PDB file of N, CA and C in Angstrom:
ATOM      1  N   MET A   1      -2.001  21.424  -8.596  1.00  0.00           N
ATOM      2  CA  MET A   1      -0.836  20.959  -7.865  1.00  0.00           C
ATOM      3  C   MET A   1       0.275  20.640  -8.848  1.00  0.00           C
ATOM      4  N   ALA A   2       1.467  20.838  -8.415  1.00  0.00           N
ATOM      5  CA  ALA A   2       2.633  20.547  -9.232  1.00  0.00           C
ATOM      6  C   ALA A   2       2.795  19.036  -9.392  1.00  0.00           C
ATOM      7  N   PRO A   3       3.391  18.579 -10.506  1.00  0.00           N
ATOM      8  CA  PRO A   3       3.580  17.139 -10.721  1.00  0.00           C
ATOM      9  C   PRO A   3       4.300  16.440  -9.572  1.00  0.00           C
ATOM     10  N   ALA A   4       5.303  17.078  -8.969  1.00  0.00           N
ATOM     11  CA  ALA A   4       6.020  16.451  -7.851  1.00  0.00           C
ATOM     12  C   ALA A   4       5.092  16.230  -6.666  1.00  0.00           C
ATOM     13  N   ILE A   5       4.215  17.194  -6.411  1.00  0.00           N
ATOM     14  CA  ILE A   5       3.258  17.048  -5.307  1.00  0.00           C
ATOM     15  C   ILE A   5       2.248  15.954  -5.636  1.00  0.00           C
ATOM     16  N   ASN A   6       1.784  15.896  -6.886  1.00  0.00           N
ATOM     17  CA  ASN A   6       0.891  14.811  -7.299  1.00  0.00           C
ATOM     18  C   ASN A   6       1.562  13.464  -7.098  1.00  0.00           C
ATOM     19  N   ALA A   7       2.840  13.346  -7.453  1.00  0.00           N
ATOM     20  CA  ALA A   7       3.576  12.091  -7.298  1.00  0.00           C
ATOM     21  C   ALA A   7       3.657  11.705  -5.820  1.00  0.00           C
ATOM     22  N   GLU A   8       3.853  12.685  -4.948  1.00  0.00           N
ATOM     23  CA  GLU A   8       3.900  12.415  -3.512  1.00  0.00           C
ATOM     24  C   GLU A   8       2.543  11.922  -3.007  1.00  0.00           C
ATOM     25  N   LEU A   9       1.468  12.511  -3.511  1.00  0.00           N
ATOM     26  CA  LEU A   9       0.126  12.099  -3.106  1.00  0.00           C
ATOM     27  C   LEU A   9      -0.169  10.679  -3.599  1.00  0.00           C
ATOM     28  N   VAL A  10       0.231  10.380  -4.823  1.00  0.00           N
ATOM     29  CA  VAL A  10       0.064   9.026  -5.363  1.00  0.00           C
ATOM     30  C   VAL A  10       0.833   8.029  -4.509  1.00  0.00           C
ATOM     31  N   GLU A  11       2.057   8.361  -4.155  1.00  0.00           N
ATOM     32  CA  GLU A  11       2.870   7.451  -3.343  1.00  0.00           C
ATOM     33  C   GLU A  11       2.259   7.260  -1.960  1.00  0.00           C
ATOM     34  N   ARG A  12       1.708   8.318  -1.383  1.00  0.00           N
ATOM     35  CA  ARG A  12       1.061   8.192  -0.057  1.00  0.00           C
ATOM     36  C   ARG A  12      -0.130   7.248  -0.141  1.00  0.00           C
ATOM     37  N   ALA A  13      -0.961   7.393  -1.175  1.00  0.00           N
ATOM     38  CA  ALA A  13      -2.112   6.504  -1.345  1.00  0.00           C
ATOM     39  C   ALA A  13      -1.650   5.064  -1.576  1.00  0.00           C
ATOM     40  N   ARG A  14      -0.621   4.905  -2.403  1.00  0.00           N
ATOM     41  CA  ARG A  14      -0.103   3.557  -2.693  1.00  0.00           C
ATOM     42  C   ARG A  14       0.437   2.895  -1.430  1.00  0.00           C
ATOM     43  N   SER A  15       1.067   3.670  -0.555  1.00  0.00           N
ATOM     44  CA  SER A  15       1.640   3.105   0.669  1.00  0.00           C
ATOM     45  C   SER A  15       0.563   2.560   1.617  1.00  0.00           C
ATOM     46  N   LEU A  16      -0.662   3.025   1.457  1.00  0.00           N
ATOM     47  CA  LEU A  16      -1.772   2.558   2.298  1.00  0.00           C
ATOM     48  C   LEU A  16      -2.377   1.255   1.795  1.00  0.00           C
ATOM     49  N   ALA A  17      -2.144   0.936   0.533  1.00  0.00           N
ATOM     50  CA  ALA A  17      -2.731  -0.254  -0.089  1.00  0.00           C
ATOM     51  C   ALA A  17      -1.946  -1.489   0.340  1.00  0.00           C
ATOM     52  N   ARG A  18      -2.281  -1.947   1.513  1.00  0.00           N
ATOM     53  CA  ARG A  18      -1.668  -3.138   2.107  1.00  0.00           C
ATOM     54  C   ARG A  18      -2.790  -4.015   2.646  1.00  0.00           C
ATOM     55  N   PRO A  19      -3.314  -4.896   1.804  1.00  0.00           N
ATOM     56  CA  PRO A  19      -4.482  -5.683   2.196  1.00  0.00           C
ATOM     57  C   PRO A  19      -4.296  -6.423   3.515  1.00  0.00           C
ATOM     58  N   LYS A  20      -5.359  -6.397   4.307  1.00  0.00           N
ATOM     59  CA  LYS A  20      -5.374  -7.098   5.585  1.00  0.00           C
ATOM     60  C   LYS A  20      -6.693  -7.847   5.698  1.00  0.00           C
ATOM     61  N   LYS A  21      -6.602  -9.142   5.896  1.00  0.00           N
ATOM     62  CA  LYS A  21      -7.791  -9.974   6.090  1.00  0.00           C
ATOM     63  C   LYS A  21      -8.289  -9.751   7.509  1.00  0.00           C
ATOM     64  N   LEU A  22      -9.457  -9.116   7.630  1.00  0.00           N
ATOM     65  CA  LEU A  22     -10.004  -8.807   8.950  1.00  0.00           C
ATOM     66  C   LEU A  22     -10.765  -9.982   9.533  1.00  0.00           C
ATOM     67  N   SER A  23     -11.427 -10.718   8.654  1.00  0.00           N
ATOM     68  CA  SER A  23     -12.176 -11.910   9.044  1.00  0.00           C
ATOM     69  C   SER A  23     -12.356 -12.741   7.784  1.00  0.00           C
ATOM     70  N   LYS A  24     -13.036 -13.883   7.891  1.00  0.00           N
ATOM     71  CA  LYS A  24     -13.256 -14.690   6.691  1.00  0.00           C
ATOM     72  C   LYS A  24     -14.160 -13.973   5.691  1.00  0.00           C
ATOM     73  N   ASP A  25     -14.835 -12.933   6.137  1.00  0.00           N
ATOM     74  CA  ASP A  25     -15.789 -12.213   5.295  1.00  0.00           C
ATOM     75  C   ASP A  25     -15.372 -10.796   4.928  1.00  0.00           C
ATOM     76  N   CYS A  26     -14.207 -10.348   5.378  1.00  0.00           N
ATOM     77  CA  CYS A  26     -13.888  -8.933   5.194  1.00  0.00           C
ATOM     78  C   CYS A  26     -12.381  -8.706   5.041  1.00  0.00           C
ATOM     79  N   ILE A  27     -12.035  -7.854   4.079  1.00  0.00           N
ATOM     80  CA  ILE A  27     -10.643  -7.468   3.857  1.00  0.00           C
ATOM     81  C   ILE A  27     -10.579  -5.950   3.737  1.00  0.00           C
ATOM     82  N   SER A  28      -9.512  -5.373   4.248  1.00  0.00           N
ATOM     83  CA  SER A  28      -9.359  -3.921   4.137  1.00  0.00           C
ATOM     84  C   SER A  28      -8.073  -3.589   3.383  1.00  0.00           C
ATOM     85  N   ALA A  29      -8.019  -2.363   2.897  1.00  0.00           N
ATOM     86  CA  ALA A  29      -6.825  -1.749   2.320  1.00  0.00           C
ATOM     87  C   ALA A  29      -6.331  -2.369   1.014  1.00  0.00           C
ATOM     88  N   GLU A  30      -7.226  -2.880   0.203  1.00  0.00           N
ATOM     89  CA  GLU A  30      -6.804  -3.282  -1.145  1.00  0.00           C
ATOM     90  C   GLU A  30      -6.561  -2.038  -2.002  1.00  0.00           C
ATOM     91  N   VAL A  31      -7.181  -0.917  -1.589  1.00  0.00           N
ATOM     92  CA  VAL A  31      -7.003   0.366  -2.262  1.00  0.00           C
ATOM     93  C   VAL A  31      -6.817   1.430  -1.189  1.00  0.00           C
ATOM     94  N   GLY A  32      -5.876   2.340  -1.423  1.00  0.00           N
ATOM     95  CA  GLY A  32      -5.648   3.455  -0.520  1.00  0.00           C
ATOM     96  C   GLY A  32      -5.996   4.767  -1.206  1.00  0.00           C
ATOM     97  N   CYS A  33      -6.362   5.771  -0.430  1.00  0.00           N
ATOM     98  CA  CYS A  33      -6.716   7.081  -0.965  1.00  0.00           C
ATOM     99  C   CYS A  33      -6.023   8.152  -0.149  1.00  0.00           C
ATOM    100  N   ALA A  34      -5.580   9.186  -0.849  1.00  0.00           N
ATOM    101  CA  ALA A  34      -5.032  10.366  -0.186  1.00  0.00           C
ATOM    102  C   ALA A  34      -5.650  11.590  -0.835  1.00  0.00           C
ATOM    103  N   LEU A  35      -5.968  12.583  -0.026  1.00  0.00           N
ATOM    104  CA  LEU A  35      -6.495  13.832  -0.558  1.00  0.00           C
ATOM    105  C   LEU A  35      -5.858  15.003   0.147  1.00  0.00           C
ATOM    106  N   VAL A  36      -5.789  16.103  -0.564  1.00  0.00           N
ATOM    107  CA  VAL A  36      -5.316  17.368  -0.010  1.00  0.00           C
ATOM    108  C   VAL A  36      -6.479  18.346  -0.081  1.00  0.00           C
ATOM    109  N   THR A  37      -6.715  19.032   1.022  1.00  0.00           N
ATOM    110  CA  THR A  37      -7.834  19.967   1.092  1.00  0.00           C
ATOM    111  C   THR A  37      -7.435  21.342   0.566  1.00  0.00           C
ATOM    112  N   SER A  38      -8.431  22.181   0.457  1.00  0.00           N
ATOM    113  CA  SER A  38      -8.182  23.556   0.027  1.00  0.00           C
ATOM    114  C   SER A  38      -7.328  24.315   1.050  1.00  0.00           C
ATOM    115  N   LYS A  39      -7.233  23.790   2.281  1.00  0.00           N
ATOM    116  CA  LYS A  39      -6.372  24.384   3.309  1.00  0.00           C
ATOM    117  C   LYS A  39      -5.031  23.661   3.400  1.00  0.00           C
ATOM    118  N   ASN A  40      -4.756  22.796   2.420  1.00  0.00           N
ATOM    119  CA  ASN A  40      -3.512  22.020   2.320  1.00  0.00           C
ATOM    120  C   ASN A  40      -3.315  20.982   3.413  1.00  0.00           C
ATOM    121  N   SER A  41      -4.416  20.501   3.984  1.00  0.00           N
ATOM    122  CA  SER A  41      -4.343  19.392   4.940  1.00  0.00           C
ATOM    123  C   SER A  41      -4.385  18.082   4.155  1.00  0.00           C
ATOM    124  N   LEU A  42      -3.772  17.046   4.699  1.00  0.00           N
ATOM    125  CA  LEU A  42      -3.746  15.727   4.078  1.00  0.00           C
ATOM    126  C   LEU A  42      -4.625  14.772   4.866  1.00  0.00           C
ATOM    127  N   PHE A  43      -5.479  14.042   4.161  1.00  0.00           N
ATOM    128  CA  PHE A  43      -6.314  13.025   4.785  1.00  0.00           C
ATOM    129  C   PHE A  43      -6.235  11.759   3.954  1.00  0.00           C
ATOM    130  N   VAL A  44      -6.351  10.609   4.623  1.00  0.00           N
ATOM    131  CA  VAL A  44      -6.227   9.328   3.945  1.00  0.00           C
ATOM    132  C   VAL A  44      -7.370   8.405   4.335  1.00  0.00           C
ATOM    133  N   GLY A  45      -7.536   7.356   3.537  1.00  0.00           N
ATOM    134  CA  GLY A  45      -8.528   6.331   3.814  1.00  0.00           C
ATOM    135  C   GLY A  45      -8.163   5.052   3.084  1.00  0.00           C
ATOM    136  N   VAL A  46      -8.761   3.943   3.506  1.00  0.00           N
ATOM    137  CA  VAL A  46      -8.551   2.653   2.851  1.00  0.00           C
ATOM    138  C   VAL A  46      -9.897   2.016   2.544  1.00  0.00           C
ATOM    139  N   SER A  47      -9.875   1.127   1.574  1.00  0.00           N
ATOM    140  CA  SER A  47     -11.098   0.415   1.195  1.00  0.00           C
ATOM    141  C   SER A  47     -11.438  -0.648   2.230  1.00  0.00           C
ATOM    142  N   ILE A  48     -12.714  -0.979   2.270  1.00  0.00           N
ATOM    143  CA  ILE A  48     -13.198  -2.108   3.066  1.00  0.00           C
ATOM    144  C   ILE A  48     -14.068  -2.932   2.137  1.00  0.00           C
ATOM    145  N   ASP A  49     -13.721  -4.205   1.961  1.00  0.00           N
ATOM    146  CA  ASP A  49     -14.480  -5.097   1.088  1.00  0.00           C
ATOM    147  C   ASP A  49     -15.080  -6.201   1.942  1.00  0.00           C
ATOM    148  N   ALA A  50     -16.395  -6.130   2.153  1.00  0.00           N
ATOM    149  CA  ALA A  50     -17.098  -7.109   2.979  1.00  0.00           C
ATOM    150  C   ALA A  50     -18.023  -7.947   2.102  1.00  0.00           C
ATOM    151  N   ASP A  51     -18.063  -9.246   2.368  1.00  0.00           N
ATOM    152  CA  ASP A  51     -18.897 -10.144   1.579  1.00  0.00           C
ATOM    153  C   ASP A  51     -20.372  -9.749   1.590  1.00  0.00           C
ATOM    154  N   CYS A  52     -20.811  -9.071   2.625  1.00  0.00           N
ATOM    155  CA  CYS A  52     -22.211  -8.682   2.737  1.00  0.00           C
ATOM    156  C   CYS A  52     -22.569  -7.529   1.799  1.00  0.00           C
ATOM    157  N   GLY A  53     -21.554  -6.925   1.152  1.00  0.00           N
ATOM    158  CA  GLY A  53     -21.813  -5.824   0.230  1.00  0.00           C
ATOM    159  C   GLY A  53     -21.810  -4.457   0.879  1.00  0.00           C
ATOM    160  N   MET A  54     -21.470  -4.366   2.164  1.00  0.00           N
ATOM    161  CA  MET A  54     -21.493  -3.081   2.856  1.00  0.00           C
ATOM    162  C   MET A  54     -20.102  -2.478   2.991  1.00  0.00           C
ATOM    163  N   GLY A  55     -19.209  -2.802   2.088  1.00  0.00           N
ATOM    164  CA  GLY A  55     -17.876  -2.222   2.131  1.00  0.00           C
ATOM    165  C   GLY A  55     -17.899  -0.778   1.673  1.00  0.00           C
ATOM    166  N   THR A  56     -16.732  -0.146   1.721  1.00  0.00           N
ATOM    167  CA  THR A  56     -16.637   1.244   1.279  1.00  0.00           C
ATOM    168  C   THR A  56     -15.366   1.456   0.464  1.00  0.00           C
ATOM    169  N   CYS A  57     -15.437   2.445  -0.373  1.00  0.00           N
ATOM    170  CA  CYS A  57     -14.277   2.867  -1.152  1.00  0.00           C
ATOM    171  C   CYS A  57     -13.357   3.685  -0.249  1.00  0.00           C
ATOM    172  N   PRO A  58     -12.069   3.749  -0.576  1.00  0.00           N
ATOM    173  CA  PRO A  58     -11.147   4.498   0.277  1.00  0.00           C
ATOM    174  C   PRO A  58     -11.413   6.000   0.272  1.00  0.00           C
ATOM    175  N   GLU A  59     -11.993   6.505  -0.817  1.00  0.00           N
ATOM    176  CA  GLU A  59     -12.323   7.926  -0.870  1.00  0.00           C
ATOM    177  C   GLU A  59     -13.280   8.308   0.253  1.00  0.00           C
ATOM    178  N   HIS A  60     -14.223   7.420   0.554  1.00  0.00           N
ATOM    179  CA  HIS A  60     -15.177   7.707   1.622  1.00  0.00           C
ATOM    180  C   HIS A  60     -14.470   7.857   2.962  1.00  0.00           C
ATOM    181  N   GLY A  61     -13.511   6.978   3.239  1.00  0.00           N
ATOM    182  CA  GLY A  61     -12.768   7.083   4.491  1.00  0.00           C
ATOM    183  C   GLY A  61     -11.984   8.376   4.587  1.00  0.00           C
ATOM    184  N   ALA A  62     -11.306   8.741   3.495  1.00  0.00           N
ATOM    185  CA  ALA A  62     -10.526   9.989   3.498  1.00  0.00           C
ATOM    186  C   ALA A  62     -11.445  11.193   3.675  1.00  0.00           C
ATOM    187  N   ILE A  63     -12.586  11.176   2.997  1.00  0.00           N
ATOM    188  CA  ILE A  63     -13.538  12.289   3.101  1.00  0.00           C
ATOM    189  C   ILE A  63     -14.135  12.354   4.506  1.00  0.00           C
ATOM    190  N   GLN A  64     -14.438  11.214   5.099  1.00  0.00           N
ATOM    191  CA  GLN A  64     -14.959  11.208   6.471  1.00  0.00           C
ATOM    192  C   GLN A  64     -13.930  11.800   7.439  1.00  0.00           C
ATOM    193  N   ASN A  65     -12.664  11.430   7.279  1.00  0.00           N
ATOM    194  CA  ASN A  65     -11.613  11.987   8.137  1.00  0.00           C
ATOM    195  C   ASN A  65     -11.502  13.498   7.954  1.00  0.00           C
ATOM    196  N   MET A  66     -11.614  13.950   6.695  1.00  0.00           N
ATOM    197  CA  MET A  66     -11.563  15.380   6.406  1.00  0.00           C
ATOM    198  C   MET A  66     -12.731  16.105   7.092  1.00  0.00           C
ATOM    199  N   LEU A  67     -13.929  15.562   6.947  1.00  0.00           N
ATOM    200  CA  LEU A  67     -15.113  16.188   7.537  1.00  0.00           C
ATOM    201  C   LEU A  67     -15.031  16.205   9.066  1.00  0.00           C
ATOM    202  N   ALA A  68     -14.474  15.145   9.648  1.00  0.00           N
ATOM    203  CA  ALA A  68     -14.326  15.088  11.109  1.00  0.00           C
ATOM    204  C   ALA A  68     -13.382  16.173  11.614  1.00  0.00           C
ATOM    205  N   SER A  69     -12.518  16.648  10.745  1.00  0.00           N
ATOM    206  CA  SER A  69     -11.591  17.726  11.109  1.00  0.00           C
ATOM    207  C   SER A  69     -12.120  19.104  10.752  1.00  0.00           C
ATOM    208  N   GLY A  70     -13.358  19.152  10.274  1.00  0.00           N
ATOM    209  CA  GLY A  70     -13.999  20.429  10.009  1.00  0.00           C
ATOM    210  C   GLY A  70     -13.723  21.030   8.642  1.00  0.00           C
ATOM    211  N   GLU A  71     -13.193  20.243   7.721  1.00  0.00           N
ATOM    212  CA  GLU A  71     -12.934  20.749   6.373  1.00  0.00           C
ATOM    213  C   GLU A  71     -13.845  20.042   5.372  1.00  0.00           C
ATOM    214  N   SER A  72     -14.088  20.687   4.229  1.00  0.00           N
ATOM    215  CA  SER A  72     -14.919  20.063   3.196  1.00  0.00           C
ATOM    216  C   SER A  72     -14.422  20.326   1.779  1.00  0.00           C
ATOM    217  N   GLY A  73     -13.442  21.204   1.606  1.00  0.00           N
ATOM    218  CA  GLY A  73     -12.938  21.521   0.274  1.00  0.00           C
ATOM    219  C   GLY A  73     -11.787  20.615  -0.130  1.00  0.00           C
ATOM    220  N   ILE A  74     -11.947  19.882  -1.229  1.00  0.00           N
ATOM    221  CA  ILE A  74     -10.910  18.962  -1.703  1.00  0.00           C
ATOM    222  C   ILE A  74     -10.193  19.587  -2.889  1.00  0.00           C
ATOM    223  N   LYS A  75      -8.893  19.805  -2.735  1.00  0.00           N
ATOM    224  CA  LYS A  75      -8.086  20.341  -3.828  1.00  0.00           C
ATOM    225  C   LYS A  75      -7.699  19.225  -4.799  1.00  0.00           C
ATOM    226  N   THR A  76      -7.165  18.107  -4.270  1.00  0.00           N
ATOM    227  CA  THR A  76      -6.699  16.990  -5.093  1.00  0.00           C
ATOM    228  C   THR A  76      -6.986  15.683  -4.371  1.00  0.00           C
ATOM    229  N   ILE A  77      -7.346  14.650  -5.144  1.00  0.00           N
ATOM    230  CA  ILE A  77      -7.626  13.331  -4.569  1.00  0.00           C
ATOM    231  C   ILE A  77      -7.124  12.250  -5.511  1.00  0.00           C
ATOM    232  N   VAL A  78      -6.673  11.139  -4.934  1.00  0.00           N
ATOM    233  CA  VAL A  78      -6.226   9.991  -5.734  1.00  0.00           C
ATOM    234  C   VAL A  78      -6.479   8.703  -4.959  1.00  0.00           C
ATOM    235  N   ALA A  79      -6.797   7.639  -5.688  1.00  0.00           N
ATOM    236  CA  ALA A  79      -6.945   6.299  -5.123  1.00  0.00           C
ATOM    237  C   ALA A  79      -6.012   5.376  -5.897  1.00  0.00           C
ATOM    238  N   VAL A  80      -5.295   4.513  -5.149  1.00  0.00           N
ATOM    239  CA  VAL A  80      -4.316   3.630  -5.768  1.00  0.00           C
ATOM    240  C   VAL A  80      -4.493   2.209  -5.233  1.00  0.00           C
ATOM    241  N   ALA A  81      -4.561   1.247  -6.155  1.00  0.00           N
ATOM    242  CA  ALA A  81      -4.719  -0.167  -5.802  1.00  0.00           C
ATOM    243  C   ALA A  81      -3.399  -0.762  -5.346  1.00  0.00           C
ATOM    244  N   VAL A  82      -3.484  -1.927  -4.759  1.00  0.00           N
ATOM    245  CA  VAL A  82      -2.308  -2.613  -4.225  1.00  0.00           C
ATOM    246  C   VAL A  82      -1.247  -2.849  -5.293  1.00  0.00           C
ATOM    247  N   ASP A  83      -1.637  -3.010  -6.555  1.00  0.00           N
ATOM    248  CA  ASP A  83      -0.650  -3.224  -7.625  1.00  0.00           C
ATOM    249  C   ASP A  83      -0.087  -1.911  -8.175  1.00  0.00           C
ATOM    250  N   GLY A  84      -0.502  -0.777  -7.596  1.00  0.00           N
ATOM    251  CA  GLY A  84      -0.004   0.520  -8.023  1.00  0.00           C
ATOM    252  C   GLY A  84      -0.844   1.215  -9.068  1.00  0.00           C
ATOM    253  N   THR A  85      -1.913   0.581  -9.517  1.00  0.00           N
ATOM    254  CA  THR A  85      -2.787   1.188 -10.510  1.00  0.00           C
ATOM    255  C   THR A  85      -3.590   2.326  -9.895  1.00  0.00           C
ATOM    256  N   ILE A  86      -3.571   3.468 -10.551  1.00  0.00           N
ATOM    257  CA  ILE A  86      -4.384   4.600 -10.116  1.00  0.00           C
ATOM    258  C   ILE A  86      -5.807   4.377 -10.614  1.00  0.00           C
ATOM    259  N   LEU A  87      -6.760   4.454  -9.695  1.00  0.00           N
ATOM    260  CA  LEU A  87      -8.162   4.183 -10.018  1.00  0.00           C
ATOM    261  C   LEU A  87      -8.989   5.461  -9.971  1.00  0.00           C
ATOM    262  N   PRO A  88      -9.806   5.706 -10.974  1.00  0.00           N
ATOM    263  CA  PRO A  88     -10.696   6.871 -10.907  1.00  0.00           C
ATOM    264  C   PRO A  88     -11.804   6.615  -9.887  1.00  0.00           C
ATOM    265  N   PRO A  89     -12.332   7.658  -9.274  1.00  0.00           N
ATOM    266  CA  PRO A  89     -13.438   7.464  -8.331  1.00  0.00           C
ATOM    267  C   PRO A  89     -14.662   6.895  -9.044  1.00  0.00           C
ATOM    268  N   CYS A  90     -15.354   5.994  -8.377  1.00  0.00           N
ATOM    269  CA  CYS A  90     -16.600   5.468  -8.937  1.00  0.00           C
ATOM    270  C   CYS A  90     -17.661   6.576  -8.872  1.00  0.00           C
ATOM    271  N   GLY A  91     -18.808   6.329  -9.441  1.00  0.00           N
ATOM    272  CA  GLY A  91     -19.877   7.327  -9.442  1.00  0.00           C
ATOM    273  C   GLY A  91     -20.315   7.722  -8.046  1.00  0.00           C
ATOM    274  N   ARG A  92     -20.391   6.757  -7.146  1.00  0.00           N
ATOM    275  CA  ARG A  92     -20.796   7.040  -5.765  1.00  0.00           C
ATOM    276  C   ARG A  92     -19.786   7.979  -5.098  1.00  0.00           C
ATOM    277  N   CYS A  93     -18.499   7.740  -5.337  1.00  0.00           N
ATOM    278  CA  CYS A  93     -17.454   8.597  -4.753  1.00  0.00           C
ATOM    279  C   CYS A  93     -17.474   9.990  -5.365  1.00  0.00           C
ATOM    280  N   ARG A  94     -17.638  10.063  -6.694  1.00  0.00           N
ATOM    281  CA  ARG A  94     -17.713  11.378  -7.343  1.00  0.00           C
ATOM    282  C   ARG A  94     -18.886  12.178  -6.792  1.00  0.00           C
ATOM    283  N   GLU A  95     -20.002  11.515  -6.600  1.00  0.00           N
ATOM    284  CA  GLU A  95     -21.177  12.204  -6.070  1.00  0.00           C
ATOM    285  C   GLU A  95     -20.900  12.726  -4.659  1.00  0.00           C
ATOM    286  N   LEU A  96     -20.246  11.924  -3.826  1.00  0.00           N
ATOM    287  CA  LEU A  96     -19.920  12.368  -2.469  1.00  0.00           C
ATOM    288  C   LEU A  96     -18.955  13.554  -2.505  1.00  0.00           C
ATOM    289  N   ILE A  97     -17.939  13.483  -3.353  1.00  0.00           N
ATOM    290  CA  ILE A  97     -16.987  14.591  -3.488  1.00  0.00           C
ATOM    291  C   ILE A  97     -17.738  15.884  -3.785  1.00  0.00           C
ATOM    292  N   TYR A  98     -18.659  15.830  -4.724  1.00  0.00           N
ATOM    293  CA  TYR A  98     -19.393  17.027  -5.142  1.00  0.00           C
ATOM    294  C   TYR A  98     -20.409  17.485  -4.107  1.00  0.00           C
ATOM    295  N   GLN A  99     -21.020  16.539  -3.385  1.00  0.00           N
ATOM    296  CA  GLN A  99     -22.074  16.936  -2.456  1.00  0.00           C
ATOM    297  C   GLN A  99     -21.546  17.523  -1.152  1.00  0.00           C
ATOM    298  N   VAL A 100     -20.339  17.162  -0.720  1.00  0.00           N
ATOM    299  CA  VAL A 100     -19.843  17.729   0.538  1.00  0.00           C
ATOM    300  C   VAL A 100     -19.477  19.205   0.388  1.00  0.00           C
ATOM    301  N   SER A 101     -19.214  19.640  -0.854  1.00  0.00           N
ATOM    302  CA  SER A 101     -18.990  21.060  -1.121  1.00  0.00           C
ATOM    303  C   SER A 101     -19.122  21.309  -2.618  1.00  0.00           C
ATOM    304  N   GLY A 102     -19.921  22.287  -2.968  1.00  0.00           N
ATOM    305  CA  GLY A 102     -20.066  22.654  -4.376  1.00  0.00           C
ATOM    306  C   GLY A 102     -18.751  23.079  -4.997  1.00  0.00           C
ATOM    307  N   LYS A 103     -17.828  23.580  -4.181  1.00  0.00           N
ATOM    308  CA  LYS A 103     -16.509  23.982  -4.685  1.00  0.00           C
ATOM    309  C   LYS A 103     -15.701  22.785  -5.176  1.00  0.00           C
ATOM    310  N   ASN A 104     -16.090  21.584  -4.763  1.00  0.00           N
ATOM    311  CA  ASN A 104     -15.352  20.389  -5.160  1.00  0.00           C
ATOM    312  C   ASN A 104     -15.576  20.012  -6.626  1.00  0.00           C
ATOM    313  N   ARG A 105     -16.388  20.756  -7.332  1.00  0.00           N
ATOM    314  CA  ARG A 105     -16.517  20.522  -8.779  1.00  0.00           C
ATOM    315  C   ARG A 105     -15.212  20.869  -9.491  1.00  0.00           C
ATOM    316  N   ASP A 106     -14.337  21.604  -8.818  1.00  0.00           N
ATOM    317  CA  ASP A 106     -13.032  21.958  -9.373  1.00  0.00           C
ATOM    318  C   ASP A 106     -11.909  21.074  -8.819  1.00  0.00           C
ATOM    319  N   THR A 107     -12.255  20.004  -8.113  1.00  0.00           N
ATOM    320  CA  THR A 107     -11.251  19.108  -7.541  1.00  0.00           C
ATOM    321  C   THR A 107     -10.395  18.485  -8.636  1.00  0.00           C
ATOM    322  N   ASN A 108      -9.089  18.464  -8.412  1.00  0.00           N
ATOM    323  CA  ASN A 108      -8.155  17.772  -9.298  1.00  0.00           C
ATOM    324  C   ASN A 108      -8.199  16.287  -8.930  1.00  0.00           C
ATOM    325  N   ILE A 109      -8.719  15.469  -9.832  1.00  0.00           N
ATOM    326  CA  ILE A 109      -8.782  14.024  -9.611  1.00  0.00           C
ATOM    327  C   ILE A 109      -7.650  13.401 -10.419  1.00  0.00           C
ATOM    328  N   ILE A 110      -6.680  12.830  -9.722  1.00  0.00           N
ATOM    329  CA  ILE A 110      -5.542  12.219 -10.400  1.00  0.00           C
ATOM    330  C   ILE A 110      -5.995  10.882 -10.980  1.00  0.00           C
ATOM    331  N   VAL A 111      -5.847  10.733 -12.279  1.00  0.00           N
ATOM    332  CA  VAL A 111      -6.190   9.485 -12.967  1.00  0.00           C
ATOM    333  C   VAL A 111      -5.035   9.114 -13.887  1.00  0.00           C
ATOM    334  N   GLY A 112      -5.032   7.897 -14.332  1.00  0.00           N
ATOM    335  CA  GLY A 112      -3.983   7.450 -15.253  1.00  0.00           C
ATOM    336  C   GLY A 112      -3.691   5.987 -15.049  1.00  0.00           C
ATOM    337  N   ASN A 113      -2.706   5.509 -15.747  1.00  0.00           N
ATOM    338  CA  ASN A 113      -2.348   4.108 -15.631  1.00  0.00           C
ATOM    339  C   ASN A 113      -0.905   3.962 -15.164  1.00  0.00           C
ATOM    340  N   ILE A 114      -0.500   4.844 -14.264  1.00  0.00           N
ATOM    341  CA  ILE A 114       0.853   4.829 -13.732  1.00  0.00           C
ATOM    342  C   ILE A 114       0.993   3.649 -12.777  1.00  0.00           C
ATOM    343  N   ARG A 115       2.051   2.910 -12.940  1.00  0.00           N
ATOM    344  CA  ARG A 115       2.359   1.811 -12.033  1.00  0.00           C
ATOM    345  C   ARG A 115       3.764   2.014 -11.505  1.00  0.00           C
ATOM    346  N   PRO A 116       4.027   1.542 -10.292  1.00  0.00           N
ATOM    347  CA  PRO A 116       5.362   1.732  -9.725  1.00  0.00           C
ATOM    348  C   PRO A 116       6.418   0.966 -10.516  1.00  0.00           C
ATOM    349  N   GLU A 117       7.626   1.485 -10.526  1.00  0.00           N
ATOM    350  CA  GLU A 117       8.738   0.814 -11.192  1.00  0.00           C
ATOM    351  C   GLU A 117       9.212  -0.324 -10.294  1.00  0.00           C
ATOM    352  N   ASN A 118       9.472  -1.464 -10.890  1.00  0.00           N
ATOM    353  CA  ASN A 118       9.984  -2.615 -10.113  1.00  0.00           C
ATOM    354  C   ASN A 118      11.427  -2.872 -10.428  1.00  0.00           C
TER     355      ASN A 118
END
């Protein structure tokens, strides 16, 4: 993907990172994720952090939305925290990316320490 398109994907993920306290035990959207499929569809997801330990990374939500739409090939993916920090996928997320399609071994994973300008 071109740098301008990567920047747009980063901004889309960052725009989702708007924490919401769901209950005394659960918060969502501390991290947002955006991905583009091999068919150029866009899917998004947000993190869920539950005190019980059953939360999920935002990549899982974006991938679930993609799969629900009948796609499995990920061209590019990024996760961005509420402070604008780009976060690499954890091992569990990387494994899911690779297992939903062997072609995802070529996925462009946007990483870095880019933060928004204030």
